[in-house]
Amino acid sequence: MARDDSGAATTITAFVLGALTGAAVALLMAPTSGEETRRRLSETAREGADRASEAARQGREFVNRQKDTLATAVERGREAYHQARTGRPAGEGGEAL
């Protein structure tokens, strides 16, 4: 099976990790109390988890769409092969696939 080397997942992962790292550094360098810093870190972590969940959901949807497209292409290929072989469209009597 061919491997998709588009790097989209790698790019999204790098972006999310970079955003989280940047947020953590900004919070640690800001002159705020420990309680305030912990609250901000908690909020940032929650937002990061939400973004990661959304990215994962979008990734699953993309994979499912690609699977459907591939299944349709395979079915059309089978039908074209059957028609070329028998001279009739698939499903019109004769042999079963």
Foldseek 3Di string as FASTA:
>chain_A
DDDDPPCPVVVVVVVLVVVLVVQLVVLVPDPDDPVVSVVSNVVSVVVSVVVVVVVVVVVVVVVVVVVVVVVVVVVVVVQVVVCVVPVDGPPPDDDHD
